[in-house]
Amino acid sequence: MNTLRCSRLQLALLLMLALMTLTLGWAPFDRLTWMIEQLLVLAALVGAALVQRRSGLSASASLQLCGFLLLHQVGAHYTYSQVPYDEAWQALTGVRLDEALGLGRNHYDRLVHFAYGLLLARPVREVVQGLTGLRGWRSAYVALEFVLASSAGYELMEWLGADLLAGAAAEAFVGAQGDPWDAQKDMALAFLGALLSLICRHGWPGRRGTGQGVSRPSR
């Protein structure tokens, strides 16, 4: 990896994320919800900075992390249950996406939960490899478990947030939209996204001829 080039890319991504955060945070639909959602962004950036000092993230992993945070910021601006993707799709194509697919609710939150696993599995795996030295299927398994565990942790945070908030603010933060299985579906989508990310890149790590191009230690 070209460290200088990657550092420039990461700086450009950070500036783009900061610009989008300021733009979308200028007049969000719900200021309190937006502020709470920024805790995830702050935690991700602090974690990325600590990792960068120790082992560094690849350019690809940095792009994926930034892509997820941008999706999250859109959800934080509108609140996840009110992102107008259906209206935007209709303006572009003349077709209502929800109606065409038979969707009965706003599914932007499901998209972002899926993207959480799909886009963050690789950065998490790189961190696991850098901190523990694990390679092959072992690092992939830890990354997969981290995605699932952190998804469960986020759902617990939503539950606690809903208890602390009240009424419309709680509903906007949780965004369950009346689905009693919302938390389980969100976690399942994150897990599926991570599994696809790890398998589709080079096949399940550990199989002959697959992996991430990291040399195995000699025996």
N, C-alpha and C. Protein backbone atom coordinates (compact mmCIF):
# COMPACT_ATOMS: atom_id res chain seq x y z
N MET A 1 0.84 -1.19 0.00
CA MET A 1 0.00 0.00 0.00
C MET A 1 0.87 1.24 0.00
N ASN A 2 0.53 2.19 -0.82
CA ASN A 2 1.23 3.46 -0.84
C ASN A 2 0.69 4.33 0.29
N THR A 3 1.51 4.47 1.38
CA THR A 3 1.02 5.14 2.59
C THR A 3 0.67 6.59 2.33
N LEU A 4 1.50 7.31 1.54
CA LEU A 4 1.25 8.72 1.27
C LEU A 4 -0.05 8.90 0.50
N ARG A 5 -0.23 8.07 -0.53
CA ARG A 5 -1.44 8.16 -1.33
C ARG A 5 -2.67 7.85 -0.49
N CYS A 6 -2.58 6.82 0.33
CA CYS A 6 -3.70 6.45 1.17
C CYS A 6 -4.02 7.56 2.16
N SER A 7 -3.01 8.22 2.70
CA SER A 7 -3.23 9.30 3.65
C SER A 7 -3.94 10.47 2.98
N ARG A 8 -3.56 10.78 1.75
CA ARG A 8 -4.23 11.85 1.01
C ARG A 8 -5.68 11.49 0.73
N LEU A 9 -5.91 10.24 0.37
CA LEU A 9 -7.27 9.79 0.14
C LEU A 9 -8.09 9.89 1.41
N GLN A 10 -7.53 9.45 2.52
CA GLN A 10 -8.25 9.51 3.78
C GLN A 10 -8.56 10.95 4.18
N LEU A 11 -7.65 11.87 3.92
CA LEU A 11 -7.90 13.27 4.21
C LEU A 11 -9.04 13.80 3.34
N ALA A 12 -9.04 13.43 2.06
CA ALA A 12 -10.11 13.86 1.16
C ALA A 12 -11.46 13.30 1.62
N LEU A 13 -11.47 12.03 2.04
CA LEU A 13 -12.70 11.42 2.52
C LEU A 13 -13.19 12.09 3.80
N LEU A 14 -12.26 12.43 4.68
CA LEU A 14 -12.62 13.10 5.93
C LEU A 14 -13.22 14.48 5.65
N LEU A 15 -12.63 15.21 4.72
CA LEU A 15 -13.15 16.53 4.37
C LEU A 15 -14.54 16.42 3.74
N MET A 16 -14.72 15.42 2.87
CA MET A 16 -16.03 15.22 2.25
C MET A 16 -17.08 14.87 3.30
N LEU A 17 -16.70 14.00 4.24
CA LEU A 17 -17.64 13.62 5.30
C LEU A 17 -17.98 14.83 6.17
N ALA A 18 -16.97 15.66 6.48
CA ALA A 18 -17.22 16.85 7.29
C ALA A 18 -18.17 17.80 6.57
N LEU A 19 -17.97 17.97 5.26
CA LEU A 19 -18.84 18.86 4.49
C LEU A 19 -20.27 18.33 4.47
N MET A 20 -20.43 17.03 4.26
CA MET A 20 -21.77 16.45 4.25
C MET A 20 -22.42 16.53 5.62
N THR A 21 -21.63 16.34 6.67
CA THR A 21 -22.17 16.44 8.03
C THR A 21 -22.68 17.85 8.32
N LEU A 22 -21.90 18.86 7.93
CA LEU A 22 -22.32 20.24 8.15
C LEU A 22 -23.56 20.58 7.32
N THR A 23 -23.60 20.10 6.08
CA THR A 23 -24.73 20.39 5.20
C THR A 23 -26.01 19.74 5.71
N LEU A 24 -25.92 18.44 6.02
CA LEU A 24 -27.10 17.71 6.47
C LEU A 24 -27.47 18.04 7.91
N GLY A 25 -26.51 18.54 8.67
CA GLY A 25 -26.79 18.89 10.06
C GLY A 25 -27.25 20.32 10.25
N TRP A 26 -27.30 21.09 9.16
CA TRP A 26 -27.68 22.51 9.28
C TRP A 26 -29.13 22.65 9.72
N ALA A 27 -30.02 21.89 9.11
CA ALA A 27 -31.43 21.96 9.48
C ALA A 27 -32.06 20.57 9.38
N PRO A 28 -31.66 19.65 10.25
CA PRO A 28 -32.22 18.29 10.21
C PRO A 28 -33.70 18.29 10.61
N PHE A 29 -34.39 17.23 10.23
CA PHE A 29 -35.82 17.13 10.54
C PHE A 29 -36.05 17.08 12.05
N ASP A 30 -35.15 16.44 12.77
CA ASP A 30 -35.27 16.32 14.22
C ASP A 30 -33.88 16.52 14.82
N ARG A 31 -33.65 17.66 15.43
CA ARG A 31 -32.32 18.02 15.93
C ARG A 31 -31.82 17.04 16.99
N LEU A 32 -32.69 16.64 17.91
CA LEU A 32 -32.27 15.73 18.98
C LEU A 32 -31.85 14.38 18.40
N THR A 33 -32.66 13.85 17.48
CA THR A 33 -32.31 12.57 16.86
C THR A 33 -30.99 12.68 16.10
N TRP A 34 -30.81 13.78 15.39
CA TRP A 34 -29.57 13.99 14.63
C TRP A 34 -28.37 13.99 15.57
N MET A 35 -28.48 14.67 16.69
CA MET A 35 -27.37 14.74 17.64
C MET A 35 -27.04 13.36 18.21
N ILE A 36 -28.07 12.58 18.52
CA ILE A 36 -27.82 11.24 19.05
C ILE A 36 -27.15 10.36 18.01
N GLU A 37 -27.60 10.48 16.76
CA GLU A 37 -27.02 9.67 15.68
C GLU A 37 -25.55 10.00 15.43
N GLN A 38 -25.12 11.20 15.80
CA GLN A 38 -23.72 11.58 15.59
C GLN A 38 -22.77 10.83 16.52
N LEU A 39 -23.30 10.21 17.57
CA LEU A 39 -22.45 9.42 18.46
C LEU A 39 -21.81 8.27 17.70
N LEU A 40 -22.56 7.67 16.76
CA LEU A 40 -22.00 6.59 15.95
C LEU A 40 -20.87 7.09 15.06
N VAL A 41 -21.07 8.26 14.46
CA VAL A 41 -20.04 8.84 13.59
C VAL A 41 -18.79 9.16 14.41
N LEU A 42 -18.98 9.74 15.57
CA LEU A 42 -17.86 10.08 16.44
C LEU A 42 -17.09 8.83 16.85
N ALA A 43 -17.81 7.79 17.25
CA ALA A 43 -17.16 6.54 17.66
C ALA A 43 -16.38 5.93 16.49
N ALA A 44 -16.95 5.97 15.29
CA ALA A 44 -16.27 5.40 14.12
C ALA A 44 -15.00 6.17 13.79
N LEU A 45 -15.06 7.50 13.87
CA LEU A 45 -13.89 8.31 13.53
C LEU A 45 -12.79 8.16 14.58
N VAL A 46 -13.17 8.10 15.85
CA VAL A 46 -12.17 7.90 16.90
C VAL A 46 -11.52 6.53 16.74
N GLY A 47 -12.33 5.52 16.48
CA GLY A 47 -11.79 4.19 16.27
C GLY A 47 -10.86 4.12 15.07
N ALA A 48 -11.27 4.77 13.96
CA ALA A 48 -10.43 4.78 12.76
C ALA A 48 -9.11 5.49 13.01
N ALA A 49 -9.15 6.59 13.77
CA ALA A 49 -7.93 7.34 14.07
C ALA A 49 -6.96 6.50 14.90
N LEU A 50 -7.49 5.78 15.89
CA LEU A 50 -6.64 4.93 16.73
C LEU A 50 -6.02 3.79 15.91
N VAL A 51 -6.83 3.20 15.03
CA VAL A 51 -6.32 2.13 14.17
C VAL A 51 -5.27 2.66 13.21
N GLN A 52 -5.51 3.85 12.67
CA GLN A 52 -4.57 4.42 11.71
C GLN A 52 -3.20 4.65 12.34
N ARG A 53 -3.19 5.03 13.59
CA ARG A 53 -1.91 5.26 14.28
C ARG A 53 -1.14 3.96 14.49
N ARG A 54 -1.89 2.87 14.62
CA ARG A 54 -1.22 1.60 14.94
C ARG A 54 -0.87 0.79 13.69
N SER A 55 -1.86 0.58 12.83
CA SER A 55 -1.60 -0.28 11.67
C SER A 55 -2.08 0.30 10.36
N GLY A 56 -3.04 1.19 10.38
CA GLY A 56 -3.52 1.84 9.17
C GLY A 56 -4.59 1.03 8.46
N LEU A 57 -5.51 1.75 7.80
CA LEU A 57 -6.53 1.13 6.98
C LEU A 57 -6.15 1.27 5.52
N SER A 58 -6.49 0.29 4.72
CA SER A 58 -6.23 0.37 3.29
C SER A 58 -7.15 1.41 2.65
N ALA A 59 -6.82 1.78 1.42
CA ALA A 59 -7.65 2.75 0.70
C ALA A 59 -9.06 2.21 0.51
N SER A 60 -9.17 0.93 0.17
CA SER A 60 -10.48 0.31 -0.04
C SER A 60 -11.31 0.32 1.23
N ALA A 61 -10.70 -0.02 2.35
CA ALA A 61 -11.42 -0.04 3.62
C ALA A 61 -11.85 1.37 4.02
N SER A 62 -11.00 2.36 3.75
CA SER A 62 -11.34 3.75 4.07
C SER A 62 -12.54 4.22 3.25
N LEU A 63 -12.56 3.85 1.97
CA LEU A 63 -13.69 4.21 1.10
C LEU A 63 -14.99 3.58 1.60
N GLN A 64 -14.92 2.33 2.01
CA GLN A 64 -16.11 1.64 2.49
C GLN A 64 -16.62 2.24 3.79
N LEU A 65 -15.71 2.58 4.69
CA LEU A 65 -16.10 3.21 5.95
C LEU A 65 -16.77 4.56 5.69
N CYS A 66 -16.19 5.35 4.80
CA CYS A 66 -16.76 6.66 4.47
C CYS A 66 -18.13 6.50 3.81
N GLY A 67 -18.25 5.51 2.91
CA GLY A 67 -19.53 5.28 2.25
C GLY A 67 -20.64 4.96 3.24
N PHE A 68 -20.33 4.14 4.23
CA PHE A 68 -21.34 3.81 5.23
C PHE A 68 -21.72 5.04 6.04
N LEU A 69 -20.73 5.83 6.46
CA LEU A 69 -21.03 7.01 7.27
C LEU A 69 -21.85 8.04 6.50
N LEU A 70 -21.64 8.15 5.19
CA LEU A 70 -22.45 9.05 4.38
C LEU A 70 -23.91 8.58 4.33
N LEU A 71 -24.11 7.28 4.16
CA LEU A 71 -25.46 6.73 4.19
C LEU A 71 -26.12 7.01 5.54
N HIS A 72 -25.35 6.84 6.60
CA HIS A 72 -25.87 7.09 7.95
C HIS A 72 -26.24 8.55 8.14
N GLN A 73 -25.45 9.47 7.60
CA GLN A 73 -25.74 10.89 7.77
C GLN A 73 -27.03 11.29 7.06
N VAL A 74 -27.30 10.66 5.92
CA VAL A 74 -28.58 10.93 5.25
C VAL A 74 -29.75 10.49 6.14
N GLY A 75 -29.61 9.30 6.73
CA GLY A 75 -30.65 8.82 7.64
C GLY A 75 -30.79 9.70 8.87
N ALA A 76 -29.67 10.20 9.37
CA ALA A 76 -29.72 11.07 10.55
C ALA A 76 -30.39 12.40 10.23
N HIS A 77 -30.21 12.90 9.02
CA HIS A 77 -30.81 14.18 8.63
C HIS A 77 -32.33 14.09 8.57
N TYR A 78 -32.83 13.07 7.89
CA TYR A 78 -34.28 12.95 7.69
C TYR A 78 -34.97 12.19 8.82
N THR A 79 -34.24 11.48 9.65
CA THR A 79 -34.64 10.36 10.50
C THR A 79 -34.88 9.18 9.56
N TYR A 80 -34.46 8.01 10.00
CA TYR A 80 -34.41 6.85 9.12
C TYR A 80 -35.77 6.48 8.52
N SER A 81 -36.83 6.69 9.25
CA SER A 81 -38.15 6.28 8.77
C SER A 81 -38.76 7.26 7.79
N GLN A 82 -38.08 8.41 7.54
CA GLN A 82 -38.65 9.42 6.66
C GLN A 82 -37.74 9.82 5.50
N VAL A 83 -36.68 9.06 5.25
CA VAL A 83 -35.81 9.37 4.12
C VAL A 83 -36.62 9.25 2.82
N PRO A 84 -36.68 10.30 2.01
CA PRO A 84 -37.57 10.31 0.83
C PRO A 84 -36.96 9.63 -0.40
N TYR A 85 -36.46 8.43 -0.23
CA TYR A 85 -35.87 7.74 -1.39
C TYR A 85 -36.94 7.41 -2.43
N ASP A 86 -38.17 7.15 -1.98
CA ASP A 86 -39.23 6.80 -2.91
C ASP A 86 -39.57 7.99 -3.81
N GLU A 87 -39.64 9.18 -3.23
CA GLU A 87 -39.91 10.38 -3.99
C GLU A 87 -38.76 10.70 -4.95
N ALA A 88 -37.53 10.50 -4.47
CA ALA A 88 -36.37 10.75 -5.32
C ALA A 88 -36.35 9.81 -6.51
N TRP A 89 -36.67 8.53 -6.26
CA TRP A 89 -36.70 7.55 -7.35
C TRP A 89 -37.80 7.89 -8.36
N GLN A 90 -38.93 8.35 -7.86
CA GLN A 90 -40.02 8.73 -8.75
C GLN A 90 -39.65 9.95 -9.60
N ALA A 91 -38.93 10.90 -8.99
CA ALA A 91 -38.50 12.07 -9.75
C ALA A 91 -37.53 11.69 -10.86
N LEU A 92 -36.73 10.66 -10.63
CA LEU A 92 -35.75 10.23 -11.63
C LEU A 92 -36.35 9.34 -12.72
N THR A 93 -37.27 8.47 -12.31
CA THR A 93 -37.76 7.45 -13.24
C THR A 93 -39.24 7.55 -13.56
N GLY A 94 -40.00 8.30 -12.76
CA GLY A 94 -41.44 8.36 -12.94
C GLY A 94 -42.17 7.20 -12.30
N VAL A 95 -41.43 6.33 -11.58
CA VAL A 95 -42.02 5.15 -10.94
C VAL A 95 -41.78 5.23 -9.44
N ARG A 96 -42.81 4.88 -8.68
CA ARG A 96 -42.64 4.82 -7.23
C ARG A 96 -42.03 3.47 -6.87
N LEU A 97 -40.84 3.50 -6.27
CA LEU A 97 -40.10 2.27 -5.99
C LEU A 97 -40.84 1.37 -5.01
N ASP A 98 -41.37 1.95 -3.94
CA ASP A 98 -42.08 1.15 -2.95
C ASP A 98 -43.27 0.43 -3.56
N GLU A 99 -44.00 1.14 -4.42
CA GLU A 99 -45.17 0.54 -5.06
C GLU A 99 -44.75 -0.57 -6.02
N ALA A 100 -43.68 -0.33 -6.78
CA ALA A 100 -43.21 -1.33 -7.75
C ALA A 100 -42.73 -2.61 -7.06
N LEU A 101 -42.11 -2.46 -5.88
CA LEU A 101 -41.59 -3.62 -5.16
C LEU A 101 -42.55 -4.17 -4.12
N GLY A 102 -43.71 -3.51 -3.98
CA GLY A 102 -44.69 -3.97 -3.02
C GLY A 102 -44.28 -3.75 -1.58
N LEU A 103 -43.55 -2.67 -1.33
CA LEU A 103 -43.07 -2.39 0.03
C LEU A 103 -44.10 -1.57 0.79
N GLY A 104 -44.34 -1.93 2.04
CA GLY A 104 -45.35 -1.26 2.83
C GLY A 104 -44.80 -0.29 3.86
N ARG A 105 -43.50 -0.10 3.89
CA ARG A 105 -42.87 0.81 4.85
C ARG A 105 -41.64 1.43 4.22
N ASN A 106 -41.07 2.42 4.90
CA ASN A 106 -39.83 3.01 4.45
C ASN A 106 -38.68 2.06 4.81
N HIS A 107 -37.94 1.61 3.80
CA HIS A 107 -36.92 0.59 4.02
C HIS A 107 -35.50 1.15 4.01
N TYR A 108 -35.35 2.46 4.16
CA TYR A 108 -34.00 3.01 4.16
C TYR A 108 -33.19 2.47 5.33
N ASP A 109 -33.83 2.31 6.48
CA ASP A 109 -33.10 1.78 7.64
C ASP A 109 -32.59 0.37 7.38
N ARG A 110 -33.39 -0.45 6.67
CA ARG A 110 -32.95 -1.80 6.35
C ARG A 110 -31.75 -1.76 5.40
N LEU A 111 -31.79 -0.84 4.44
CA LEU A 111 -30.67 -0.68 3.52
C LEU A 111 -29.38 -0.36 4.27
N VAL A 112 -29.45 0.54 5.23
CA VAL A 112 -28.25 0.96 5.95
C VAL A 112 -27.75 -0.14 6.88
N HIS A 113 -28.64 -0.90 7.47
CA HIS A 113 -28.20 -2.03 8.29
C HIS A 113 -27.49 -3.07 7.42
N PHE A 114 -28.02 -3.32 6.23
CA PHE A 114 -27.34 -4.23 5.31
C PHE A 114 -25.98 -3.66 4.90
N ALA A 115 -25.95 -2.35 4.64
CA ALA A 115 -24.69 -1.70 4.26
C ALA A 115 -23.68 -1.72 5.40
N TYR A 116 -24.16 -1.70 6.63
CA TYR A 116 -23.26 -1.77 7.78
C TYR A 116 -22.39 -3.02 7.71
N GLY A 117 -23.04 -4.15 7.45
CA GLY A 117 -22.26 -5.39 7.33
C GLY A 117 -21.46 -5.44 6.05
N LEU A 118 -22.08 -5.04 4.94
CA LEU A 118 -21.43 -5.14 3.64
C LEU A 118 -20.20 -4.25 3.53
N LEU A 119 -20.28 -3.04 4.07
CA LEU A 119 -19.20 -2.07 3.91
C LEU A 119 -18.18 -2.08 5.04
N LEU A 120 -18.58 -2.56 6.22
CA LEU A 120 -17.64 -2.49 7.35
C LEU A 120 -16.95 -3.81 7.65
N ALA A 121 -17.35 -4.89 7.02
CA ALA A 121 -16.70 -6.17 7.29
C ALA A 121 -15.22 -6.12 6.93
N ARG A 122 -14.88 -5.53 5.79
CA ARG A 122 -13.48 -5.46 5.38
C ARG A 122 -12.65 -4.57 6.32
N PRO A 123 -13.10 -3.34 6.64
CA PRO A 123 -12.32 -2.55 7.60
C PRO A 123 -12.13 -3.25 8.95
N VAL A 124 -13.19 -3.89 9.44
CA VAL A 124 -13.08 -4.59 10.72
C VAL A 124 -12.09 -5.74 10.61
N ARG A 125 -12.12 -6.46 9.51
CA ARG A 125 -11.20 -7.58 9.34
C ARG A 125 -9.75 -7.08 9.30
N GLU A 126 -9.52 -5.96 8.64
CA GLU A 126 -8.17 -5.39 8.61
C GLU A 126 -7.70 -5.02 10.01
N VAL A 127 -8.60 -4.47 10.81
CA VAL A 127 -8.25 -4.11 12.19
C VAL A 127 -7.91 -5.37 12.98
N VAL A 128 -8.73 -6.41 12.82
CA VAL A 128 -8.47 -7.67 13.52
C VAL A 128 -7.11 -8.23 13.13
N GLN A 129 -6.80 -8.20 11.84
CA GLN A 129 -5.51 -8.71 11.38
C GLN A 129 -4.36 -7.89 11.94
N GLY A 130 -4.53 -6.55 11.97
CA GLY A 130 -3.45 -5.69 12.46
C GLY A 130 -3.22 -5.81 13.95
N LEU A 131 -4.30 -6.01 14.72
CA LEU A 131 -4.17 -6.04 16.18
C LEU A 131 -3.86 -7.42 16.73
N THR A 132 -4.32 -8.47 16.05
CA THR A 132 -4.18 -9.82 16.61
C THR A 132 -3.26 -10.73 15.81
N GLY A 133 -3.02 -10.37 14.55
CA GLY A 133 -2.22 -11.24 13.70
C GLY A 133 -2.99 -12.41 13.12
N LEU A 134 -4.30 -12.49 13.40
CA LEU A 134 -5.11 -13.58 12.85
C LEU A 134 -5.21 -13.42 11.34
N ARG A 135 -5.24 -14.53 10.62
CA ARG A 135 -5.35 -14.52 9.17
C ARG A 135 -6.41 -15.51 8.71
N GLY A 136 -6.72 -15.48 7.43
CA GLY A 136 -7.64 -16.45 6.85
C GLY A 136 -9.02 -16.41 7.48
N TRP A 137 -9.62 -17.59 7.65
CA TRP A 137 -10.99 -17.66 8.13
C TRP A 137 -11.13 -17.16 9.57
N ARG A 138 -10.05 -17.19 10.35
CA ARG A 138 -10.14 -16.76 11.74
C ARG A 138 -10.43 -15.26 11.83
N SER A 139 -9.70 -14.46 11.06
CA SER A 139 -9.95 -13.01 11.08
C SER A 139 -11.32 -12.69 10.49
N ALA A 140 -11.75 -13.46 9.48
CA ALA A 140 -13.07 -13.25 8.89
C ALA A 140 -14.17 -13.58 9.90
N TYR A 141 -13.96 -14.66 10.67
CA TYR A 141 -14.96 -15.06 11.66
C TYR A 141 -15.09 -14.00 12.75
N VAL A 142 -13.97 -13.47 13.22
CA VAL A 142 -14.02 -12.43 14.25
C VAL A 142 -14.72 -11.18 13.72
N ALA A 143 -14.43 -10.80 12.46
CA ALA A 143 -15.09 -9.65 11.85
C ALA A 143 -16.60 -9.87 11.76
N LEU A 144 -16.99 -11.07 11.37
CA LEU A 144 -18.41 -11.41 11.26
C LEU A 144 -19.09 -11.33 12.61
N GLU A 145 -18.45 -11.86 13.63
CA GLU A 145 -19.02 -11.81 14.98
C GLU A 145 -19.08 -10.38 15.51
N PHE A 146 -18.09 -9.57 15.17
CA PHE A 146 -18.11 -8.17 15.60
C PHE A 146 -19.30 -7.44 14.99
N VAL A 147 -19.53 -7.65 13.70
CA VAL A 147 -20.66 -6.99 13.04
C VAL A 147 -21.97 -7.38 13.71
N LEU A 148 -22.15 -8.67 13.99
CA LEU A 148 -23.38 -9.13 14.61
C LEU A 148 -23.51 -8.59 16.04
N ALA A 149 -22.42 -8.63 16.80
CA ALA A 149 -22.46 -8.17 18.19
C ALA A 149 -22.71 -6.66 18.27
N SER A 150 -22.04 -5.90 17.41
CA SER A 150 -22.23 -4.44 17.43
C SER A 150 -23.62 -4.07 16.94
N SER A 151 -24.19 -4.85 16.02
CA SER A 151 -25.57 -4.61 15.59
C SER A 151 -26.53 -4.82 16.76
N ALA A 152 -26.29 -5.88 17.52
CA ALA A 152 -27.12 -6.12 18.71
C ALA A 152 -26.95 -4.99 19.72
N GLY A 153 -25.71 -4.52 19.89
CA GLY A 153 -25.45 -3.41 20.80
C GLY A 153 -26.18 -2.15 20.38
N TYR A 154 -26.23 -1.91 19.08
CA TYR A 154 -26.93 -0.71 18.58
C TYR A 154 -28.43 -0.81 18.86
N GLU A 155 -28.99 -2.02 18.68
CA GLU A 155 -30.41 -2.20 18.97
C GLU A 155 -30.71 -1.99 20.45
N LEU A 156 -29.78 -2.42 21.31
CA LEU A 156 -29.96 -2.17 22.75
C LEU A 156 -29.88 -0.67 23.05
N MET A 157 -28.98 0.03 22.35
CA MET A 157 -28.88 1.47 22.53
C MET A 157 -30.18 2.16 22.10
N GLU A 158 -30.79 1.67 21.01
CA GLU A 158 -32.07 2.23 20.58
C GLU A 158 -33.15 2.00 21.63
N TRP A 159 -33.13 0.82 22.22
CA TRP A 159 -34.12 0.50 23.26
C TRP A 159 -33.96 1.44 24.45
N LEU A 160 -32.71 1.63 24.90
CA LEU A 160 -32.47 2.54 26.01
C LEU A 160 -32.83 3.97 25.64
N GLY A 161 -32.50 4.37 24.41
CA GLY A 161 -32.84 5.72 23.95
C GLY A 161 -34.33 5.95 23.92
N ALA A 162 -35.08 4.94 23.50
CA ALA A 162 -36.54 5.07 23.46
C ALA A 162 -37.11 5.21 24.86
N ASP A 163 -36.49 4.54 25.85
CA ASP A 163 -36.94 4.67 27.23
C ASP A 163 -36.67 6.06 27.79
N LEU A 164 -35.55 6.65 27.39
CA LEU A 164 -35.19 7.97 27.88
C LEU A 164 -35.97 9.07 27.19
N LEU A 165 -36.24 8.87 25.90
CA LEU A 165 -37.02 9.86 25.15
C LEU A 165 -38.50 9.57 25.33
N ALA A 166 -39.32 10.32 24.65
CA ALA A 166 -40.76 10.10 24.78
C ALA A 166 -41.47 10.47 23.48
N GLY A 167 -42.59 9.81 23.25
CA GLY A 167 -43.46 10.16 22.14
C GLY A 167 -42.81 10.10 20.78
N ALA A 168 -42.99 11.20 20.02
CA ALA A 168 -42.50 11.26 18.64
C ALA A 168 -40.99 11.17 18.57
N ALA A 169 -40.29 11.73 19.58
CA ALA A 169 -38.83 11.68 19.58
C ALA A 169 -38.33 10.25 19.68
N ALA A 170 -38.96 9.45 20.53
CA ALA A 170 -38.58 8.04 20.67
C ALA A 170 -38.85 7.28 19.40
N GLU A 171 -40.00 7.53 18.77
CA GLU A 171 -40.35 6.84 17.52
C GLU A 171 -39.39 7.21 16.40
N ALA A 172 -39.01 8.49 16.34
CA ALA A 172 -38.09 8.93 15.29
C ALA A 172 -36.72 8.29 15.48
N PHE A 173 -36.28 8.14 16.72
CA PHE A 173 -34.96 7.58 16.98
C PHE A 173 -34.92 6.09 16.69
N VAL A 174 -35.94 5.36 17.12
CA VAL A 174 -35.96 3.91 16.93
C VAL A 174 -36.31 3.56 15.48
N GLY A 175 -37.33 4.19 14.93
CA GLY A 175 -37.70 3.97 13.54
C GLY A 175 -38.22 2.58 13.23
N ALA A 176 -38.87 1.93 14.21
CA ALA A 176 -39.36 0.57 13.98
C ALA A 176 -40.56 0.54 13.05
N GLN A 177 -41.28 1.64 12.97
CA GLN A 177 -42.44 1.77 12.08
C GLN A 177 -43.47 0.67 12.33
N GLY A 178 -43.65 0.33 13.60
CA GLY A 178 -44.68 -0.63 13.96
C GLY A 178 -44.32 -2.08 13.76
N ASP A 179 -43.09 -2.39 13.38
CA ASP A 179 -42.67 -3.77 13.15
C ASP A 179 -42.09 -4.35 14.44
N PRO A 180 -42.75 -5.34 15.06
CA PRO A 180 -42.25 -5.89 16.33
C PRO A 180 -40.95 -6.68 16.16
N TRP A 181 -40.62 -7.08 14.92
CA TRP A 181 -39.40 -7.83 14.65
C TRP A 181 -38.33 -6.95 14.00
N ASP A 182 -38.47 -5.65 14.16
CA ASP A 182 -37.54 -4.72 13.50
C ASP A 182 -36.10 -4.96 13.91
N ALA A 183 -35.84 -5.13 15.20
CA ALA A 183 -34.47 -5.31 15.68
C ALA A 183 -33.84 -6.59 15.12
N GLN A 184 -34.62 -7.68 15.13
CA GLN A 184 -34.09 -8.94 14.62
C GLN A 184 -33.80 -8.87 13.12
N LYS A 185 -34.67 -8.23 12.37
CA LYS A 185 -34.46 -8.09 10.93
C LYS A 185 -33.23 -7.23 10.63
N ASP A 186 -33.07 -6.16 11.41
CA ASP A 186 -31.90 -5.29 11.20
C ASP A 186 -30.60 -6.04 11.46
N MET A 187 -30.56 -6.81 12.54
CA MET A 187 -29.34 -7.58 12.84
C MET A 187 -29.08 -8.65 11.78
N ALA A 188 -30.15 -9.29 11.30
CA ALA A 188 -29.99 -10.32 10.28
C ALA A 188 -29.44 -9.72 8.99
N LEU A 189 -29.90 -8.53 8.63
CA LEU A 189 -29.41 -7.89 7.40
C LEU A 189 -27.95 -7.49 7.53
N ALA A 190 -27.56 -7.00 8.69
CA ALA A 190 -26.15 -6.65 8.90
C ALA A 190 -25.28 -7.90 8.81
N PHE A 191 -25.73 -8.98 9.41
CA PHE A 191 -24.99 -10.24 9.35
C PHE A 191 -24.87 -10.74 7.91
N LEU A 192 -25.98 -10.66 7.16
CA LEU A 192 -25.98 -11.11 5.77
C LEU A 192 -25.03 -10.25 4.93
N GLY A 193 -25.06 -8.93 5.16
CA GLY A 193 -24.17 -8.05 4.42
C GLY A 193 -22.71 -8.37 4.67
N ALA A 194 -22.37 -8.62 5.93
CA ALA A 194 -20.98 -8.96 6.27
C ALA A 194 -20.58 -10.29 5.66
N LEU A 195 -21.48 -11.26 5.71
CA LEU A 195 -21.18 -12.58 5.16
C LEU A 195 -20.94 -12.49 3.65
N LEU A 196 -21.78 -11.74 2.94
CA LEU A 196 -21.60 -11.57 1.51
C LEU A 196 -20.29 -10.85 1.19
N SER A 197 -19.96 -9.84 1.99
CA SER A 197 -18.72 -9.10 1.77
C SER A 197 -17.51 -10.00 1.89
N LEU A 198 -17.50 -10.85 2.91
CA LEU A 198 -16.35 -11.70 3.16
C LEU A 198 -16.26 -12.85 2.15
N ILE A 199 -17.40 -13.33 1.70
CA ILE A 199 -17.39 -14.45 0.76
C ILE A 199 -17.14 -13.99 -0.67
N CYS A 200 -17.80 -12.91 -1.07
CA CYS A 200 -17.76 -12.50 -2.48
C CYS A 200 -16.42 -11.90 -2.90
N ARG A 201 -15.66 -11.41 -1.95
CA ARG A 201 -14.39 -10.79 -2.35
C ARG A 201 -13.43 -11.82 -2.92
N HIS A 202 -13.18 -12.91 -2.17
CA HIS A 202 -12.26 -13.95 -2.65
C HIS A 202 -12.75 -15.34 -2.30
N GLY A 203 -14.03 -15.51 -2.02
CA GLY A 203 -14.48 -16.79 -1.49
C GLY A 203 -14.22 -16.80 0.01
N TRP A 204 -14.80 -17.75 0.72
CA TRP A 204 -14.62 -17.77 2.18
C TRP A 204 -13.14 -17.92 2.50
N PRO A 205 -12.58 -16.99 3.30
CA PRO A 205 -11.16 -17.04 3.63
C PRO A 205 -10.77 -18.37 4.25
N GLY A 206 -9.62 -18.89 3.84
CA GLY A 206 -9.15 -20.15 4.36
C GLY A 206 -9.23 -21.26 3.34
N ARG A 207 -10.08 -21.09 2.29
CA ARG A 207 -10.10 -22.07 1.22
C ARG A 207 -8.85 -21.94 0.38
N ARG A 208 -8.47 -23.01 -0.26
CA ARG A 208 -7.27 -23.00 -1.10
C ARG A 208 -7.45 -21.98 -2.21
N GLY A 209 -6.44 -21.13 -2.37
CA GLY A 209 -6.47 -20.14 -3.44
C GLY A 209 -7.31 -18.93 -3.13
N THR A 210 -7.78 -18.78 -1.87
CA THR A 210 -8.58 -17.63 -1.51
C THR A 210 -7.93 -16.91 -0.37
N GLY A 211 -8.55 -15.80 0.02
CA GLY A 211 -8.04 -15.01 1.14
C GLY A 211 -7.86 -13.59 0.69
N GLN A 212 -7.07 -12.86 1.42
CA GLN A 212 -6.91 -11.45 1.14
C GLN A 212 -5.53 -11.13 0.64
N GLY A 213 -4.82 -12.09 0.20
CA GLY A 213 -3.50 -11.82 -0.31
C GLY A 213 -2.46 -11.61 0.76
N VAL A 214 -2.79 -11.98 2.00
CA VAL A 214 -1.86 -11.84 3.11
C VAL A 214 -1.08 -13.12 3.24
N SER A 215 0.22 -13.05 3.27
CA SER A 215 1.03 -14.24 3.33
C SER A 215 0.85 -14.97 4.64
N ARG A 216 0.85 -16.30 4.56
CA ARG A 216 0.70 -17.10 5.78
C ARG A 216 2.06 -17.27 6.44
N PRO A 217 2.10 -17.34 7.75
CA PRO A 217 3.37 -17.54 8.42
C PRO A 217 3.92 -18.92 8.09
N SER A 218 5.21 -19.00 7.92
CA SER A 218 5.84 -20.29 7.61
C SER A 218 5.78 -21.20 8.82
N ARG A 219 5.63 -22.50 8.53
CA ARG A 219 5.56 -23.47 9.64
C ARG A 219 6.95 -24.05 9.92
